[in-house]
Amino acid sequence: RSDKVSIGNFVWDDANGNSQADSGEAGIDGITVQLYRDTNGNGVFDPGTDTLVDTTTTSGGGFYQFLDVEPSVAGDATTDYIVAVVKSSVTSKGYVNSSPGGGQNPDTTGDQDQPSGDDGIPVGDYVVSQPFPATLHGQADTGDSGDPAGYSDDSAYMTVDFGFTTEQRHERE
């Protein structure tokens, strides 16, 4: 697997709405997560334009992984990746995006790989990450112990997180 990368990590119930996976906040299983290529390299998720690479479902406490992914080409934005959570798989469980305006929040987990942890940007029927390159032997992270077997730490992008809150909690904010 030295010629492939892996991408993934965590979808969780952001009970306090602070966009950080805190102790005691549970993962959400059964959420549909898709991996796209930013085909036109414009740095924005374009449903219907960007290429769907793979689909998976969160399990084992809200975790997901895409394995055997073709690496990005350094400097070529058309090979960057976007992770998209299918919004209907979240809303059917009573959850909404914990930051409805979207935006990137800093990764406070100590991981240094791109992309940083966030709770996603709403785009149509999806909540998406920022586009990011997933190159072979990119920058290694420092606090991640969840790299898939067979992938070196610097080719495992296990930092793409999404936090959601219940509609009731969201309405109180």
C-alpha atoms as a PDB file:
ATOM      1  CA  ARG A   1       0.000   0.000   0.000  1.00  0.00           C
ATOM      2  CA  SER A   2       2.993   2.269  -0.286  1.00  0.00           C
ATOM      3  CA  ASP A   3       1.495   3.801  -3.430  1.00  0.00           C
ATOM      4  CA  LYS A   4      -1.947   4.669  -1.936  1.00  0.00           C
ATOM      5  CA  VAL A   5      -3.329   6.949   0.776  1.00  0.00           C
ATOM      6  CA  SER A   6      -6.192   6.598   3.235  1.00  0.00           C
ATOM      7  CA  ILE A   7      -8.694   9.267   4.299  1.00  0.00           C
ATOM      8  CA  GLY A   8     -11.205   9.274   7.107  1.00  0.00           C
ATOM      9  CA  ASN A   9     -12.080   9.687  10.718  1.00  0.00           C
ATOM     10  CA  PHE A  10     -15.031  10.730  12.883  1.00  0.00           C
ATOM     11  CA  VAL A  11     -18.662  11.922  12.774  1.00  0.00           C
ATOM     12  CA  TRP A  12     -19.942  12.769  16.249  1.00  0.00           C
ATOM     13  CA  ASP A  13     -22.766  14.220  18.348  1.00  0.00           C
ATOM     14  CA  ASP A  14     -21.428  17.667  19.224  1.00  0.00           C
ATOM     15  CA  ALA A  15     -23.562  17.865  22.388  1.00  0.00           C
ATOM     16  CA  ASN A  16     -22.232  21.241  23.525  1.00  0.00           C
ATOM     17  CA  GLY A  17     -21.984  22.728  20.014  1.00  0.00           C
ATOM     18  CA  ASN A  18     -18.358  23.841  20.344  1.00  0.00           C
ATOM     19  CA  SER A  19     -17.183  22.084  17.140  1.00  0.00           C
ATOM     20  CA  GLN A  20     -14.695  19.946  19.086  1.00  0.00           C
ATOM     21  CA  ALA A  21     -15.045  16.246  19.879  1.00  0.00           C
ATOM     22  CA  ASP A  22     -15.023  16.432  23.668  1.00  0.00           C
ATOM     23  CA  SER A  23     -14.829  13.582  26.154  1.00  0.00           C
ATOM     24  CA  GLY A  24     -18.220  11.903  26.439  1.00  0.00           C
ATOM     25  CA  GLU A  25     -19.515  13.036  23.042  1.00  0.00           C
ATOM     26  CA  ALA A  26     -20.491   9.902  21.142  1.00  0.00           C
ATOM     27  CA  GLY A  27     -19.865   9.041  17.517  1.00  0.00           C
ATOM     28  CA  ILE A  28     -22.854   8.642  15.193  1.00  0.00           C
ATOM     29  CA  ASP A  29     -23.120   5.350  13.287  1.00  0.00           C
ATOM     30  CA  GLY A  30     -25.043   4.914  10.032  1.00  0.00           C
ATOM     31  CA  ILE A  31     -24.051   8.230   8.429  1.00  0.00           C
ATOM     32  CA  THR A  32     -23.325   8.166   4.682  1.00  0.00           C
ATOM     33  CA  VAL A  33     -19.945   9.709   3.832  1.00  0.00           C
ATOM     34  CA  GLN A  34     -18.674  10.240   0.287  1.00  0.00           C
ATOM     35  CA  LEU A  35     -15.232  11.036  -1.095  1.00  0.00           C
ATOM     36  CA  TYR A  36     -14.967  13.370  -4.101  1.00  0.00           C
ATOM     37  CA  ARG A  37     -12.184  14.764  -6.272  1.00  0.00           C
ATOM     38  CA  ASP A  38     -12.278  18.530  -6.857  1.00  0.00           C
ATOM     39  CA  THR A  39     -12.370  17.793 -10.581  1.00  0.00           C
ATOM     40  CA  ASN A  40     -12.319  21.405 -11.754  1.00  0.00           C
ATOM     41  CA  GLY A  41      -9.766  22.459  -9.113  1.00  0.00           C
ATOM     42  CA  ASN A  42     -11.750  25.525  -8.058  1.00  0.00           C
ATOM     43  CA  GLY A  43     -11.482  24.856  -4.312  1.00  0.00           C
ATOM     44  CA  VAL A  44     -15.261  24.527  -3.900  1.00  0.00           C
ATOM     45  CA  PHE A  45     -17.511  21.457  -3.768  1.00  0.00           C
ATOM     46  CA  ASP A  46     -19.582  21.351  -6.960  1.00  0.00           C
ATOM     47  CA  PRO A  47     -22.216  18.573  -6.833  1.00  0.00           C
ATOM     48  CA  GLY A  48     -22.638  17.104 -10.291  1.00  0.00           C
ATOM     49  CA  THR A  49     -19.205  18.331 -11.394  1.00  0.00           C
ATOM     50  CA  ASP A  50     -16.760  16.930  -8.857  1.00  0.00           C
ATOM     51  CA  THR A  51     -16.054  13.220  -9.281  1.00  0.00           C
ATOM     52  CA  LEU A  52     -17.440  10.741  -6.739  1.00  0.00           C
ATOM     53  CA  VAL A  53     -14.603   8.385  -5.766  1.00  0.00           C
ATOM     54  CA  ASP A  54     -16.170   6.225  -3.042  1.00  0.00           C
ATOM     55  CA  THR A  55     -19.013   5.959  -0.518  1.00  0.00           C
ATOM     56  CA  THR A  56     -18.987   4.464   2.971  1.00  0.00           C
ATOM     57  CA  THR A  57     -21.036   4.511   6.172  1.00  0.00           C
ATOM     58  CA  THR A  58     -19.865   5.391   9.671  1.00  0.00           C
ATOM     59  CA  SER A  59     -19.625   2.487  12.115  1.00  0.00           C
ATOM     60  CA  GLY A  60     -17.814   1.406  15.257  1.00  0.00           C
ATOM     61  CA  GLY A  61     -18.686   4.616  17.088  1.00  0.00           C
ATOM     62  CA  GLY A  62     -18.917   7.136  14.229  1.00  0.00           C
ATOM     63  CA  PHE A  63     -15.717   6.294  12.369  1.00  0.00           C
ATOM     64  CA  TYR A  64     -15.232   5.987   8.600  1.00  0.00           C
ATOM     65  CA  GLN A  65     -12.332   5.223   6.267  1.00  0.00           C
ATOM     66  CA  PHE A  66     -11.595   5.345   2.570  1.00  0.00           C
ATOM     67  CA  LEU A  67      -8.745   2.932   1.795  1.00  0.00           C
ATOM     68  CA  ASP A  68      -6.556   2.440  -1.295  1.00  0.00           C
ATOM     69  CA  VAL A  69      -7.143   6.007  -2.499  1.00  0.00           C
ATOM     70  CA  GLU A  70      -5.088   7.370  -5.393  1.00  0.00           C
ATOM     71  CA  PRO A  71      -2.815  10.078  -3.988  1.00  0.00           C
ATOM     72  CA  SER A  72      -3.148  13.715  -4.964  1.00  0.00           C
ATOM     73  CA  VAL A  73      -0.500  15.250  -7.186  1.00  0.00           C
ATOM     74  CA  ALA A  74       1.328  18.032  -5.354  1.00  0.00           C
ATOM     75  CA  GLY A  75       0.358  21.410  -6.780  1.00  0.00           C
ATOM     76  CA  ASP A  76      -2.514  20.046  -8.916  1.00  0.00           C
ATOM     77  CA  ALA A  77      -5.796  21.214  -7.338  1.00  0.00           C
ATOM     78  CA  THR A  78      -7.805  18.981  -9.700  1.00  0.00           C
ATOM     79  CA  THR A  79      -6.520  16.000  -7.686  1.00  0.00           C
ATOM     80  CA  ASP A  80      -7.528  17.426  -4.271  1.00  0.00           C
ATOM     81  CA  TYR A  81     -10.176  15.595  -2.248  1.00  0.00           C
ATOM     82  CA  ILE A  82     -13.409  16.689  -0.570  1.00  0.00           C
ATOM     83  CA  VAL A  83     -15.211  14.597   2.044  1.00  0.00           C
ATOM     84  CA  ALA A  84     -18.996  14.995   1.953  1.00  0.00           C
ATOM     85  CA  VAL A  85     -21.549  13.862   4.522  1.00  0.00           C
ATOM     86  CA  VAL A  86     -24.934  13.179   2.903  1.00  0.00           C
ATOM     87  CA  LYS A  87     -27.227  15.544   4.811  1.00  0.00           C
ATOM     88  CA  SER A  88     -30.313  13.284   4.658  1.00  0.00           C
ATOM     89  CA  SER A  89     -28.427  10.528   6.511  1.00  0.00           C
ATOM     90  CA  VAL A  90     -27.851  13.019   9.344  1.00  0.00           C
ATOM     91  CA  THR A  91     -31.256  14.719   9.436  1.00  0.00           C
ATOM     92  CA  SER A  92     -33.059  11.352   9.409  1.00  0.00           C
ATOM     93  CA  LYS A  93     -31.432  10.742  12.813  1.00  0.00           C
ATOM     94  CA  GLY A  94     -32.547  14.150  14.158  1.00  0.00           C
ATOM     95  CA  TYR A  95     -29.225  15.959  13.739  1.00  0.00           C
ATOM     96  CA  VAL A  96     -28.257  19.248  12.113  1.00  0.00           C
ATOM     97  CA  ASN A  97     -24.864  20.815  11.413  1.00  0.00           C
ATOM     98  CA  SER A  98     -23.500  22.177  14.690  1.00  0.00           C
ATOM     99  CA  SER A  99     -22.319  25.357  12.924  1.00  0.00           C
ATOM    100  CA  PRO A 100     -25.081  26.022  10.397  1.00  0.00           C
ATOM    101  CA  GLY A 101     -23.156  28.853   8.754  1.00  0.00           C
ATOM    102  CA  GLY A 102     -20.378  26.403   8.070  1.00  0.00           C
ATOM    103  CA  GLY A 103     -16.743  27.231   8.050  1.00  0.00           C
ATOM    104  CA  GLN A 104     -13.490  25.726   9.076  1.00  0.00           C
ATOM    105  CA  ASN A 105     -12.610  25.425  12.743  1.00  0.00           C
ATOM    106  CA  PRO A 106      -9.093  24.805  13.999  1.00  0.00           C
ATOM    107  CA  ASP A 107      -8.033  21.252  14.666  1.00  0.00           C
ATOM    108  CA  THR A 108      -7.349  21.092  18.385  1.00  0.00           C
ATOM    109  CA  THR A 109      -6.565  17.373  18.480  1.00  0.00           C
ATOM    110  CA  GLY A 110      -2.846  17.846  17.924  1.00  0.00           C
ATOM    111  CA  ASP A 111      -2.970  16.304  14.442  1.00  0.00           C
ATOM    112  CA  GLN A 112      -0.937  18.205  11.882  1.00  0.00           C
ATOM    113  CA  ASP A 113      -2.157  16.520   8.690  1.00  0.00           C
ATOM    114  CA  GLN A 114      -4.448  18.422   6.396  1.00  0.00           C
ATOM    115  CA  PRO A 115      -7.351  18.899   6.587  1.00  0.00           C
ATOM    116  CA  SER A 116      -7.989  20.256  10.022  1.00  0.00           C
ATOM    117  CA  GLY A 117     -10.913  19.080  12.106  1.00  0.00           C
ATOM    118  CA  ASP A 118     -14.109  20.948  11.420  1.00  0.00           C
ATOM    119  CA  ASP A 119     -17.820  20.475  11.422  1.00  0.00           C
ATOM    120  CA  GLY A 120     -18.238  21.075   7.733  1.00  0.00           C
ATOM    121  CA  ILE A 121     -19.720  23.530   5.297  1.00  0.00           C
ATOM    122  CA  PRO A 122     -23.354  23.055   4.199  1.00  0.00           C
ATOM    123  CA  VAL A 123     -23.587  22.791   0.396  1.00  0.00           C
ATOM    124  CA  GLY A 124     -26.977  21.709  -0.955  1.00  0.00           C
ATOM    125  CA  ASP A 125     -27.675  18.122   0.113  1.00  0.00           C
ATOM    126  CA  TYR A 126     -24.248  17.759   1.751  1.00  0.00           C
ATOM    127  CA  VAL A 127     -22.027  18.978   4.559  1.00  0.00           C
ATOM    128  CA  VAL A 128     -18.491  19.054   3.175  1.00  0.00           C
ATOM    129  CA  SER A 129     -14.861  19.529   4.138  1.00  0.00           C
ATOM    130  CA  GLN A 130     -12.609  22.059   2.511  1.00  0.00           C
ATOM    131  CA  PRO A 131     -10.713  20.566  -0.465  1.00  0.00           C
ATOM    132  CA  PHE A 132      -7.331  19.170   0.543  1.00  0.00           C
ATOM    133  CA  PRO A 133      -4.401  17.391  -1.099  1.00  0.00           C
ATOM    134  CA  ALA A 134      -3.798  13.820   0.086  1.00  0.00           C
ATOM    135  CA  THR A 135      -0.280  13.248  -1.167  1.00  0.00           C
ATOM    136  CA  LEU A 136       1.978  10.309  -0.500  1.00  0.00           C
ATOM    137  CA  HIS A 137       4.329  11.018   2.359  1.00  0.00           C
ATOM    138  CA  GLY A 138       2.707  14.325   3.260  1.00  0.00           C
ATOM    139  CA  GLN A 139       3.243  15.860   6.677  1.00  0.00           C
ATOM    140  CA  ALA A 140       2.898  13.318   9.484  1.00  0.00           C
ATOM    141  CA  ASP A 141       0.516  14.056  12.336  1.00  0.00           C
ATOM    142  CA  THR A 142       1.610  13.946  15.942  1.00  0.00           C
ATOM    143  CA  GLY A 143      -1.313  12.699  17.990  1.00  0.00           C
ATOM    144  CA  ASP A 144      -3.160  10.226  15.801  1.00  0.00           C
ATOM    145  CA  SER A 145      -3.166   6.568  16.732  1.00  0.00           C
ATOM    146  CA  GLY A 146      -5.919   5.481  14.334  1.00  0.00           C
ATOM    147  CA  ASP A 147      -4.002   5.009  11.105  1.00  0.00           C
ATOM    148  CA  PRO A 148      -5.168   1.964   9.117  1.00  0.00           C
ATOM    149  CA  ALA A 149      -2.879  -1.062   9.035  1.00  0.00           C
ATOM    150  CA  GLY A 150      -0.485  -0.970   6.103  1.00  0.00           C
ATOM    151  CA  TYR A 151      -0.489   2.842   5.714  1.00  0.00           C
ATOM    152  CA  SER A 152       2.377   4.992   6.912  1.00  0.00           C
ATOM    153  CA  ASP A 153       1.349   7.839   9.191  1.00  0.00           C
ATOM    154  CA  ASP A 154       2.321  10.416   6.586  1.00  0.00           C
ATOM    155  CA  SER A 155      -0.019   8.852   3.976  1.00  0.00           C
ATOM    156  CA  ALA A 156      -3.018   8.371   6.297  1.00  0.00           C
ATOM    157  CA  TYR A 157      -5.275  11.424   6.442  1.00  0.00           C
ATOM    158  CA  MET A 158      -7.361  10.438   9.473  1.00  0.00           C
ATOM    159  CA  THR A 159      -8.365  13.960  10.509  1.00  0.00           C
ATOM    160  CA  VAL A 160     -11.575  14.773   8.592  1.00  0.00           C
ATOM    161  CA  ASP A 161     -14.155  15.172  11.367  1.00  0.00           C
ATOM    162  CA  PHE A 162     -17.765  16.394  11.333  1.00  0.00           C
ATOM    163  CA  GLY A 163     -19.793  17.441  14.375  1.00  0.00           C
ATOM    164  CA  PHE A 164     -23.591  17.518  14.441  1.00  0.00           C
ATOM    165  CA  THR A 165     -26.076  18.468  17.137  1.00  0.00           C
ATOM    166  CA  THR A 166     -29.725  17.576  17.665  1.00  0.00           C
ATOM    167  CA  GLU A 167     -32.339  19.930  16.283  1.00  0.00           C
ATOM    168  CA  GLN A 168     -33.629  20.598  19.822  1.00  0.00           C
ATOM    169  CA  ARG A 169     -30.203  21.689  21.096  1.00  0.00           C
ATOM    170  CA  HIS A 170     -29.638  23.762  17.968  1.00  0.00           C
ATOM    171  CA  GLU A 171     -32.921  25.651  18.470  1.00  0.00           C
ATOM    172  CA  ARG A 172     -31.911  26.607  22.034  1.00  0.00           C
ATOM    173  CA  GLU A 173     -28.662  28.218  20.878  1.00  0.00           C
END
